[in-house]
Amino acid sequence: MEQLEKDLLEWIAGNNDCEALATQLAGARVTKRDYMRTGFFIFLEAPKDAAPIEANTRVCCPDLEAPGLMHGAGSSLFFRGGRLHYLEIYARGGFFPEQPESYRLHWPAE
């Protein structure tokens, strides 16, 4: 798992009040990573024994600032059947560097 994904998953686990989410994120592994030039789709697999995330759970994901990102970036976490499915990281207009050298994660609209 790349450092960016680790930092995003740790931020999400630490800034949401859902034990099942935190457990799934702590044991998540990347099964596929697609770079799309405007961002990434990172497909995740949670531990088989982790409790499912309830369907009505709202998850806050951070925004991202980095050199070369004209309008910053966002992230979203998606689930399927109460289990982690994928993390999307996307530039807000333009190119997203394949390996950002430095970045800052923050609350959306901060």
N, C-alpha and C. Protein backbone atom coordinates (compact mmCIF):
# COMPACT_ATOMS: atom_id res chain seq x y z
N MET A 1 0.86 -1.17 0.00
CA MET A 1 0.00 0.00 0.00
C MET A 1 0.91 1.24 0.00
N GLU A 2 0.58 2.20 -0.84
CA GLU A 2 1.35 3.43 -0.94
C GLU A 2 1.10 4.31 0.29
N GLN A 3 2.03 5.20 0.59
CA GLN A 3 1.90 6.06 1.76
C GLN A 3 0.64 6.93 1.70
N LEU A 4 0.31 7.44 0.52
CA LEU A 4 -0.89 8.26 0.39
C LEU A 4 -2.13 7.49 0.83
N GLU A 5 -2.28 6.25 0.37
CA GLU A 5 -3.44 5.45 0.77
C GLU A 5 -3.44 5.19 2.27
N LYS A 6 -2.27 4.86 2.83
CA LYS A 6 -2.17 4.62 4.27
C LYS A 6 -2.63 5.85 5.04
N ASP A 7 -2.14 7.02 4.63
CA ASP A 7 -2.49 8.25 5.33
C ASP A 7 -3.98 8.56 5.20
N LEU A 8 -4.55 8.35 4.02
CA LEU A 8 -5.98 8.59 3.83
C LEU A 8 -6.82 7.64 4.69
N LEU A 9 -6.48 6.37 4.70
CA LEU A 9 -7.26 5.41 5.48
C LEU A 9 -7.13 5.68 6.97
N GLU A 10 -5.94 6.06 7.43
CA GLU A 10 -5.75 6.42 8.84
C GLU A 10 -6.56 7.66 9.19
N TRP A 11 -6.57 8.66 8.29
CA TRP A 11 -7.35 9.88 8.53
C TRP A 11 -8.83 9.53 8.65
N ILE A 12 -9.33 8.73 7.73
CA ILE A 12 -10.75 8.35 7.75
C ILE A 12 -11.08 7.59 9.03
N ALA A 13 -10.25 6.63 9.41
CA ALA A 13 -10.50 5.86 10.63
C ALA A 13 -10.48 6.75 11.87
N GLY A 14 -9.59 7.72 11.90
CA GLY A 14 -9.46 8.59 13.06
C GLY A 14 -10.47 9.72 13.13
N ASN A 15 -11.18 9.98 12.05
CA ASN A 15 -12.11 11.11 12.01
C ASN A 15 -13.56 10.70 11.79
N ASN A 16 -13.84 9.44 11.97
CA ASN A 16 -15.21 8.93 11.88
C ASN A 16 -15.47 8.06 13.10
N ASP A 17 -16.68 8.12 13.60
CA ASP A 17 -17.03 7.40 14.83
C ASP A 17 -17.77 6.12 14.50
N CYS A 18 -17.03 5.14 13.95
CA CYS A 18 -17.64 3.86 13.58
C CYS A 18 -16.60 2.76 13.81
N GLU A 19 -16.83 1.95 14.81
CA GLU A 19 -15.87 0.91 15.15
C GLU A 19 -15.69 -0.10 14.02
N ALA A 20 -16.78 -0.48 13.36
CA ALA A 20 -16.68 -1.45 12.25
C ALA A 20 -15.83 -0.89 11.12
N LEU A 21 -16.00 0.40 10.82
CA LEU A 21 -15.20 1.05 9.78
C LEU A 21 -13.72 1.05 10.17
N ALA A 22 -13.43 1.45 11.40
CA ALA A 22 -12.04 1.49 11.86
C ALA A 22 -11.39 0.11 11.79
N THR A 23 -12.13 -0.92 12.16
CA THR A 23 -11.61 -2.29 12.12
C THR A 23 -11.32 -2.73 10.69
N GLN A 24 -12.27 -2.45 9.79
CA GLN A 24 -12.05 -2.83 8.39
C GLN A 24 -10.86 -2.08 7.80
N LEU A 25 -10.75 -0.78 8.10
CA LEU A 25 -9.64 0.02 7.56
C LEU A 25 -8.30 -0.44 8.11
N ALA A 26 -8.25 -0.78 9.39
CA ALA A 26 -6.99 -1.21 10.01
C ALA A 26 -6.43 -2.48 9.37
N GLY A 27 -7.32 -3.36 8.93
CA GLY A 27 -6.87 -4.61 8.34
C GLY A 27 -6.98 -4.66 6.83
N ALA A 28 -7.29 -3.53 6.21
CA ALA A 28 -7.52 -3.51 4.75
C ALA A 28 -6.23 -3.79 3.98
N ARG A 29 -6.42 -4.44 2.86
CA ARG A 29 -5.30 -4.62 1.93
C ARG A 29 -5.76 -4.20 0.54
N VAL A 30 -4.81 -3.70 -0.24
CA VAL A 30 -5.10 -3.25 -1.60
C VAL A 30 -5.09 -4.47 -2.52
N THR A 31 -6.14 -4.62 -3.32
CA THR A 31 -6.20 -5.71 -4.28
C THR A 31 -5.91 -5.24 -5.70
N LYS A 32 -6.12 -3.94 -5.94
CA LYS A 32 -5.89 -3.38 -7.27
C LYS A 32 -5.77 -1.87 -7.14
N ARG A 33 -4.88 -1.28 -7.92
CA ARG A 33 -4.67 0.18 -7.87
C ARG A 33 -4.63 0.68 -9.30
N ASP A 34 -5.63 1.47 -9.68
CA ASP A 34 -5.70 2.01 -11.04
C ASP A 34 -5.40 3.50 -11.01
N TYR A 35 -4.37 3.91 -11.72
CA TYR A 35 -4.03 5.32 -11.86
C TYR A 35 -4.68 5.82 -13.15
N MET A 36 -5.45 6.91 -13.03
CA MET A 36 -6.22 7.41 -14.17
C MET A 36 -5.74 8.78 -14.67
N ARG A 37 -4.59 9.25 -14.23
CA ARG A 37 -4.03 10.57 -14.55
C ARG A 37 -4.77 11.72 -13.85
N THR A 38 -6.03 11.55 -13.55
CA THR A 38 -6.75 12.56 -12.77
C THR A 38 -6.98 12.07 -11.34
N GLY A 39 -6.47 10.90 -11.03
CA GLY A 39 -6.62 10.33 -9.69
C GLY A 39 -6.43 8.83 -9.70
N PHE A 40 -6.97 8.20 -8.67
CA PHE A 40 -6.79 6.76 -8.46
C PHE A 40 -8.11 6.11 -8.07
N PHE A 41 -8.21 4.83 -8.40
CA PHE A 41 -9.19 3.93 -7.83
C PHE A 41 -8.37 2.86 -7.13
N ILE A 42 -8.51 2.78 -5.81
CA ILE A 42 -7.77 1.80 -5.03
C ILE A 42 -8.78 0.81 -4.46
N PHE A 43 -8.77 -0.40 -4.98
CA PHE A 43 -9.72 -1.43 -4.55
C PHE A 43 -9.17 -2.09 -3.30
N LEU A 44 -10.07 -2.26 -2.32
CA LEU A 44 -9.67 -2.73 -0.99
C LEU A 44 -10.39 -4.00 -0.61
N GLU A 45 -9.74 -4.77 0.25
CA GLU A 45 -10.37 -5.95 0.83
C GLU A 45 -10.18 -5.88 2.33
N ALA A 46 -11.29 -5.98 3.06
CA ALA A 46 -11.26 -5.95 4.51
C ALA A 46 -11.08 -7.37 5.04
N PRO A 47 -10.61 -7.51 6.29
CA PRO A 47 -10.51 -8.85 6.88
C PRO A 47 -11.86 -9.55 6.85
N LYS A 48 -11.85 -10.82 6.56
CA LYS A 48 -13.09 -11.60 6.43
C LYS A 48 -13.91 -11.60 7.72
N ASP A 49 -13.25 -11.55 8.87
CA ASP A 49 -13.95 -11.63 10.15
C ASP A 49 -14.40 -10.26 10.68
N ALA A 50 -14.14 -9.18 9.95
CA ALA A 50 -14.53 -7.84 10.40
C ALA A 50 -16.04 -7.66 10.26
N ALA A 51 -16.62 -7.00 11.25
CA ALA A 51 -18.07 -6.74 11.23
C ALA A 51 -18.42 -5.84 10.05
N PRO A 52 -19.60 -6.01 9.47
CA PRO A 52 -20.02 -5.15 8.36
C PRO A 52 -20.33 -3.73 8.85
N ILE A 53 -20.22 -2.79 7.93
CA ILE A 53 -20.55 -1.40 8.19
C ILE A 53 -22.03 -1.23 7.86
N GLU A 54 -22.77 -0.61 8.77
CA GLU A 54 -24.20 -0.43 8.56
C GLU A 54 -24.47 0.46 7.36
N ALA A 55 -25.53 0.17 6.64
CA ALA A 55 -25.86 0.87 5.39
C ALA A 55 -26.07 2.38 5.59
N ASN A 56 -26.54 2.80 6.75
CA ASN A 56 -26.81 4.21 6.98
C ASN A 56 -25.60 4.99 7.52
N THR A 57 -24.44 4.37 7.58
CA THR A 57 -23.24 5.02 8.09
C THR A 57 -22.74 6.06 7.09
N ARG A 58 -22.57 7.28 7.57
CA ARG A 58 -22.03 8.36 6.73
C ARG A 58 -20.55 8.49 7.06
N VAL A 59 -19.74 8.48 6.03
CA VAL A 59 -18.29 8.52 6.21
C VAL A 59 -17.74 9.82 5.64
N CYS A 60 -17.00 10.56 6.47
CA CYS A 60 -16.34 11.78 6.02
C CYS A 60 -14.94 11.43 5.53
N CYS A 61 -14.61 11.88 4.33
CA CYS A 61 -13.30 11.63 3.73
C CYS A 61 -12.60 12.97 3.51
N PRO A 62 -11.27 12.99 3.64
CA PRO A 62 -10.56 14.27 3.58
C PRO A 62 -10.37 14.81 2.16
N ASP A 63 -10.15 16.11 2.12
CA ASP A 63 -9.64 16.76 0.92
C ASP A 63 -8.12 16.76 1.03
N LEU A 64 -7.48 17.10 -0.06
CA LEU A 64 -6.03 17.01 -0.14
C LEU A 64 -5.48 18.21 -0.88
N GLU A 65 -4.42 18.78 -0.36
CA GLU A 65 -3.67 19.83 -1.05
C GLU A 65 -2.27 19.32 -1.31
N ALA A 66 -1.74 19.62 -2.48
CA ALA A 66 -0.38 19.21 -2.84
C ALA A 66 0.14 20.10 -3.95
N PRO A 67 1.46 20.28 -4.02
CA PRO A 67 2.01 21.03 -5.15
C PRO A 67 1.58 20.36 -6.47
N GLY A 68 1.22 21.16 -7.43
CA GLY A 68 0.81 20.63 -8.72
C GLY A 68 -0.68 20.37 -8.84
N LEU A 69 -1.40 20.45 -7.73
CA LEU A 69 -2.85 20.30 -7.79
C LEU A 69 -3.47 21.69 -7.77
N MET A 70 -3.87 22.14 -8.93
CA MET A 70 -4.35 23.51 -9.08
C MET A 70 -5.52 23.83 -8.15
N HIS A 71 -6.48 22.93 -8.05
CA HIS A 71 -7.68 23.17 -7.24
C HIS A 71 -7.83 22.13 -6.14
N GLY A 72 -6.76 21.49 -5.78
CA GLY A 72 -6.81 20.47 -4.73
C GLY A 72 -7.41 19.17 -5.22
N ALA A 73 -7.70 18.29 -4.27
CA ALA A 73 -8.24 16.98 -4.60
C ALA A 73 -9.20 16.55 -3.50
N GLY A 74 -9.98 15.55 -3.81
CA GLY A 74 -10.91 14.99 -2.85
C GLY A 74 -10.75 13.49 -2.78
N SER A 75 -11.45 12.88 -1.85
CA SER A 75 -11.43 11.43 -1.73
C SER A 75 -12.81 10.95 -1.30
N SER A 76 -13.12 9.73 -1.69
CA SER A 76 -14.39 9.11 -1.32
C SER A 76 -14.14 7.62 -1.10
N LEU A 77 -14.81 7.08 -0.10
CA LEU A 77 -14.68 5.66 0.22
C LEU A 77 -16.01 4.99 -0.11
N PHE A 78 -15.96 3.88 -0.82
CA PHE A 78 -17.16 3.19 -1.26
C PHE A 78 -17.22 1.79 -0.66
N PHE A 79 -18.45 1.32 -0.43
CA PHE A 79 -18.70 0.02 0.20
C PHE A 79 -19.61 -0.82 -0.68
N ARG A 80 -19.52 -2.12 -0.47
CA ARG A 80 -20.43 -3.06 -1.14
C ARG A 80 -20.81 -4.10 -0.10
N GLY A 81 -22.09 -4.18 0.20
CA GLY A 81 -22.55 -5.16 1.18
C GLY A 81 -21.95 -4.98 2.56
N GLY A 82 -21.73 -3.73 2.97
CA GLY A 82 -21.18 -3.46 4.28
C GLY A 82 -19.69 -3.67 4.41
N ARG A 83 -19.02 -3.85 3.27
CA ARG A 83 -17.58 -4.11 3.27
C ARG A 83 -16.88 -3.07 2.40
N LEU A 84 -15.63 -2.78 2.74
CA LEU A 84 -14.85 -1.87 1.91
C LEU A 84 -14.85 -2.36 0.48
N HIS A 85 -14.98 -1.42 -0.46
CA HIS A 85 -14.91 -1.79 -1.88
C HIS A 85 -13.76 -1.04 -2.55
N TYR A 86 -13.82 0.30 -2.56
CA TYR A 86 -12.69 1.04 -3.12
C TYR A 86 -12.62 2.46 -2.57
N LEU A 87 -11.42 3.02 -2.65
CA LEU A 87 -11.14 4.40 -2.29
C LEU A 87 -10.86 5.13 -3.59
N GLU A 88 -11.54 6.25 -3.78
CA GLU A 88 -11.29 7.08 -4.96
C GLU A 88 -10.58 8.35 -4.49
N ILE A 89 -9.51 8.71 -5.20
CA ILE A 89 -8.80 9.97 -4.97
C ILE A 89 -8.84 10.71 -6.30
N TYR A 90 -9.30 11.96 -6.29
CA TYR A 90 -9.53 12.65 -7.56
C TYR A 90 -9.09 14.10 -7.49
N ALA A 91 -8.46 14.56 -8.56
CA ALA A 91 -8.11 15.97 -8.70
C ALA A 91 -9.36 16.76 -9.02
N ARG A 92 -9.43 17.95 -8.53
CA ARG A 92 -10.54 18.85 -8.87
C ARG A 92 -10.10 19.69 -10.07
N GLY A 93 -10.18 19.10 -11.21
CA GLY A 93 -9.76 19.78 -12.44
C GLY A 93 -8.29 19.55 -12.69
N GLY A 94 -8.00 18.81 -13.70
CA GLY A 94 -6.62 18.63 -14.11
C GLY A 94 -5.99 17.33 -13.67
N PHE A 95 -4.70 17.36 -13.65
CA PHE A 95 -3.83 16.21 -13.47
C PHE A 95 -3.58 15.93 -11.99
N PHE A 96 -3.49 14.66 -11.61
CA PHE A 96 -3.09 14.26 -10.26
C PHE A 96 -1.77 13.51 -10.39
N PRO A 97 -0.71 13.96 -9.71
CA PRO A 97 0.58 13.30 -9.84
C PRO A 97 0.51 11.84 -9.38
N GLU A 98 1.21 10.97 -10.06
CA GLU A 98 1.17 9.54 -9.73
C GLU A 98 1.72 9.28 -8.32
N GLN A 99 2.73 10.05 -7.93
CA GLN A 99 3.28 9.93 -6.59
C GLN A 99 3.52 11.33 -6.02
N PRO A 100 2.50 11.92 -5.40
CA PRO A 100 2.68 13.26 -4.85
C PRO A 100 3.79 13.27 -3.81
N GLU A 101 4.68 14.26 -3.91
CA GLU A 101 5.82 14.31 -3.01
C GLU A 101 5.44 14.81 -1.62
N SER A 102 4.55 15.75 -1.57
CA SER A 102 4.10 16.26 -0.28
C SER A 102 2.62 16.61 -0.43
N TYR A 103 1.90 16.46 0.67
CA TYR A 103 0.47 16.74 0.63
C TYR A 103 0.00 17.01 2.04
N ARG A 104 -1.17 17.60 2.12
CA ARG A 104 -1.81 17.88 3.40
C ARG A 104 -3.25 17.41 3.30
N LEU A 105 -3.68 16.59 4.25
CA LEU A 105 -5.05 16.14 4.33
C LEU A 105 -5.80 17.05 5.29
N HIS A 106 -7.03 17.39 4.94
CA HIS A 106 -7.81 18.26 5.80
C HIS A 106 -9.30 18.01 5.61
N TRP A 107 -10.08 18.51 6.56
CA TRP A 107 -11.53 18.39 6.47
C TRP A 107 -12.03 19.02 5.18
N PRO A 108 -13.04 18.46 4.55
CA PRO A 108 -13.60 19.07 3.33
C PRO A 108 -14.06 20.51 3.60
N ALA A 109 -13.87 21.35 2.59
CA ALA A 109 -14.25 22.77 2.64
C ALA A 109 -13.59 23.52 3.78
N GLU A 110 -12.39 23.13 4.14
CA GLU A 110 -11.64 23.84 5.19
C GLU A 110 -10.90 25.00 4.60
